[in-house]
Protein backbone atom coordinates (compact mmCIF):
# COMPACT_ATOMS: atom_id res chain seq x y z
CA UNK A 1 51.93 38.26 -0.35
CA UNK A 2 49.52 38.54 -2.89
CA UNK A 3 45.58 39.23 -2.09
CA UNK A 4 43.36 36.07 -1.54
CA UNK A 5 39.79 35.96 -1.28
CA UNK A 6 38.96 35.13 2.25
CA UNK A 7 36.17 32.13 0.29
CA UNK A 8 35.84 30.42 -2.53
CA UNK A 9 34.20 31.75 -5.50
CA UNK A 10 30.36 30.85 -4.80
CA UNK A 11 29.53 30.33 -8.21
CA UNK A 12 32.36 27.92 -8.58
CA UNK A 13 30.76 25.93 -5.67
CA UNK A 14 27.68 25.78 -6.91
CA UNK A 15 28.47 24.75 -10.56
CA UNK A 16 30.42 21.68 -8.55
CA UNK A 17 27.37 20.80 -6.41
CA UNK A 18 25.42 20.57 -9.60
CA UNK A 19 27.68 18.77 -11.65
CA UNK A 20 27.91 16.17 -8.30
CA UNK A 21 24.38 15.98 -8.18
CA UNK A 22 23.64 12.67 -9.85
CA UNK A 23 20.70 10.35 -9.91
CA UNK A 24 20.21 8.22 -7.08
CA UNK A 25 20.39 4.29 -7.90
CA UNK A 26 17.13 2.54 -8.09
CA UNK A 27 17.78 0.11 -4.88
CA UNK A 28 18.67 3.43 -3.00
CA UNK A 29 15.34 4.42 -4.01
CA UNK A 30 13.23 1.48 -3.66
CA UNK A 31 14.33 0.95 0.17
CA UNK A 32 14.05 4.23 0.94
CA UNK A 33 10.29 4.18 -0.68
CA UNK A 34 9.50 1.22 1.79
CA UNK A 35 10.84 2.58 4.71
CA UNK A 36 8.87 5.76 3.93
CA UNK A 37 5.63 3.51 3.00
CA UNK A 38 6.41 1.59 6.24
CA UNK A 39 6.49 4.48 8.67
CA UNK A 40 3.49 6.57 7.32
CA UNK A 41 1.53 3.74 7.29
CA UNK A 42 2.25 2.82 10.94
CA UNK A 43 1.58 6.80 11.96
CA UNK A 44 -1.84 6.20 9.66
CA UNK A 45 -2.84 3.03 11.15
CA UNK A 46 -2.33 4.58 14.65
CA UNK A 47 -4.08 7.45 13.92
CA UNK A 48 -6.97 6.33 11.89
CA UNK A 49 -7.57 2.77 13.98
CA UNK A 50 -9.72 3.85 16.58
CA UNK A 51 -11.95 5.96 13.77
CA UNK A 52 -12.06 3.00 11.18
CA UNK A 53 -12.71 0.24 14.23
CA UNK A 54 -15.51 2.21 15.69
CA UNK A 55 -17.16 2.49 12.06
CA UNK A 56 -17.20 -0.85 11.48
CA UNK A 57 -18.43 -1.59 14.75
CA UNK A 58 -21.28 0.76 13.82
CA UNK A 59 -22.02 -1.11 10.58
CA UNK A 60 -21.69 -4.58 11.90
CA UNK A 61 -24.64 -3.10 14.75
CA UNK A 62 -26.82 -2.24 11.90
CA UNK A 63 -26.38 -5.53 10.11
CA UNK A 64 -27.29 -7.47 13.47
CA UNK A 65 -30.18 -5.13 13.92
CA UNK A 66 -31.60 -5.67 10.55
CA UNK A 67 -31.03 -9.91 10.72
CA UNK A 68 -32.87 -9.94 14.34
CA UNK A 69 -35.65 -7.65 13.36
CA UNK A 70 -36.89 -10.52 10.99
CA UNK A 71 -38.24 -8.39 8.14
CA UNK A 72 -36.13 -7.89 4.88
CA UNK A 73 -34.58 -4.50 4.85
CA UNK A 74 -32.12 -2.54 3.37
CA UNK A 75 -29.14 -1.41 5.34
CA UNK A 76 -26.94 1.60 4.27
CA UNK A 77 -23.19 1.17 4.92
CA UNK A 78 -22.52 4.41 4.58
CA UNK A 79 -24.22 7.14 7.02
CA UNK A 80 -23.43 10.11 8.42
CA UNK A 81 -21.62 8.12 11.73
CA UNK A 82 -19.62 5.61 9.33
CA UNK A 83 -19.16 8.59 6.60
CA UNK A 84 -17.29 11.01 9.64
CA UNK A 85 -15.52 8.15 11.16
CA UNK A 86 -14.06 7.14 7.23
CA UNK A 87 -13.61 11.00 7.04
CA UNK A 88 -11.52 11.47 9.61
CA UNK A 89 -9.48 8.73 8.71
CA UNK A 90 -8.82 9.88 5.15
CA UNK A 91 -7.64 13.33 6.65
CA UNK A 92 -5.40 11.74 9.30
CA UNK A 93 -4.04 10.17 5.72
CA UNK A 94 -3.78 13.85 3.80
CA UNK A 95 -2.40 15.34 7.09
CA UNK A 96 0.30 12.98 8.29
CA UNK A 97 1.06 12.74 4.44
CA UNK A 98 2.10 16.05 4.29
CA UNK A 99 4.08 16.23 7.57
CA UNK A 100 5.90 13.65 6.78
CA UNK A 101 6.26 13.47 3.03
CA UNK A 102 5.64 17.38 1.75
CA UNK A 103 7.25 19.40 4.14
CA UNK A 104 10.40 17.26 4.79
CA UNK A 105 11.10 17.12 1.02
CA UNK A 106 10.62 20.92 0.91
CA UNK A 107 12.57 21.93 4.06
CA UNK A 108 15.34 18.94 3.82
CA UNK A 109 14.67 17.33 0.57
CA UNK A 110 14.57 14.24 1.98
CA UNK A 111 12.40 12.04 4.36
CA UNK A 112 13.54 9.49 7.11
CA UNK A 113 13.83 7.09 4.44
CA UNK A 114 15.74 8.69 2.16
CA UNK A 115 17.69 10.47 4.92
CA UNK A 116 18.78 6.70 5.65
CA UNK A 117 19.64 5.73 2.53
CA UNK A 118 21.56 8.81 1.50
CA UNK A 119 19.66 10.37 -0.86
CA UNK A 120 17.62 13.17 -1.31
CA UNK A 121 15.14 15.37 -3.68
CA UNK A 122 16.08 18.06 -5.92
CA UNK A 123 14.97 20.48 -8.10
CA UNK A 124 16.06 19.67 -11.90
CA UNK A 125 17.03 22.98 -12.62
CA UNK A 126 18.16 25.09 -9.56
CA UNK A 127 19.63 21.44 -7.67
CA UNK A 128 18.03 22.84 -4.41
CA UNK A 129 15.46 21.16 -2.28
CA UNK A 130 12.28 21.51 -3.81
CA UNK A 131 9.39 24.59 -3.03
CA UNK A 132 6.67 23.50 -0.70
CA UNK A 133 4.24 23.82 -3.93
CA UNK A 134 6.45 21.21 -5.92
CA UNK A 135 6.80 18.80 -2.93
CA UNK A 136 3.20 18.84 -2.16
CA UNK A 137 2.65 18.13 -5.97
CA UNK A 138 5.16 15.55 -6.27
CA UNK A 139 3.71 13.72 -2.92
CA UNK A 140 0.17 14.01 -4.38
CA UNK A 141 0.68 12.53 -8.01
CA UNK A 142 2.38 9.76 -6.08
CA UNK A 143 -0.47 9.20 -3.50
CA UNK A 144 -3.06 9.47 -6.64
CA UNK A 145 -1.16 7.19 -8.91
CA UNK A 146 -0.98 4.54 -6.08
CA UNK A 147 -4.70 4.51 -5.31
CA UNK A 148 -5.56 4.06 -9.11
CA UNK A 149 -3.50 1.48 -9.37
CA UNK A 150 -1.37 2.85 -12.17
CA UNK A 151 1.27 3.74 -9.19
CA UNK A 152 3.34 0.55 -10.43
CA UNK A 153 3.95 2.23 -14.09
CA UNK A 154 4.89 5.39 -12.14
CA UNK A 155 7.60 4.00 -10.27
CA UNK A 156 8.81 1.81 -13.15
CA UNK A 157 8.92 4.52 -15.51
CA UNK A 158 12.46 5.76 -13.70
CA UNK A 159 14.04 2.35 -15.18
CA UNK A 160 13.37 3.48 -18.83
CA UNK A 161 13.74 7.36 -18.00
CA UNK A 162 17.42 9.01 -18.87
CA UNK A 163 19.28 10.69 -17.75
CA UNK A 164 17.44 11.49 -14.87
CA UNK A 165 15.56 8.62 -13.74
CA UNK A 166 12.61 10.72 -12.83
CA UNK A 167 9.01 8.99 -12.30
CA UNK A 168 6.11 10.64 -13.39
CA UNK A 169 5.61 12.45 -10.00
CA UNK A 170 9.29 13.76 -10.44
CA UNK A 171 8.35 14.73 -14.05
CA UNK A 172 5.28 16.91 -12.64
CA UNK A 173 7.07 18.27 -9.95
CA UNK A 174 10.12 19.31 -11.52
CA UNK A 175 12.74 17.25 -9.32
CA UNK A 176 15.02 14.46 -9.40
CA UNK A 177 16.29 11.68 -6.62
CA UNK A 178 20.27 12.78 -6.19
CA UNK A 179 22.46 10.79 -3.91
């Protein structure tokens, strides 16, 4: 009986994995993004609600005090109290975004939405989950472009990009979304 290696050739296995990594469908990607947006929005909303409401109550109290003084005065809506409250809400956004999007993407290549839809983020060259730096760059660029209202063009870019269907945040991070 001829000698048989105990395991399959690891290089052959890696080549098969790379060949089987195909870009994910647009429907799955959209559904995964909606799930991730809802989950992250709920987390951020829950964490920042007390701070934002306190800031809004402070602003309302300042406006009411100015109205009752009977004198025309200038009311600054952003002061030391409101800037701290809104700063805490912004910090919650970045910390929770980092914990929900960047870390799971770097560790497993997927977030909850991507896991539910059966897709994952892969490095374009290694076909492995991206490094933490790439995952962070991907999430930050997606977020910044979304805030700047260019996010629609970012997301629509994958409709025309071939062969990997990368959005701008994927191109900047050197990643793609695979099935």
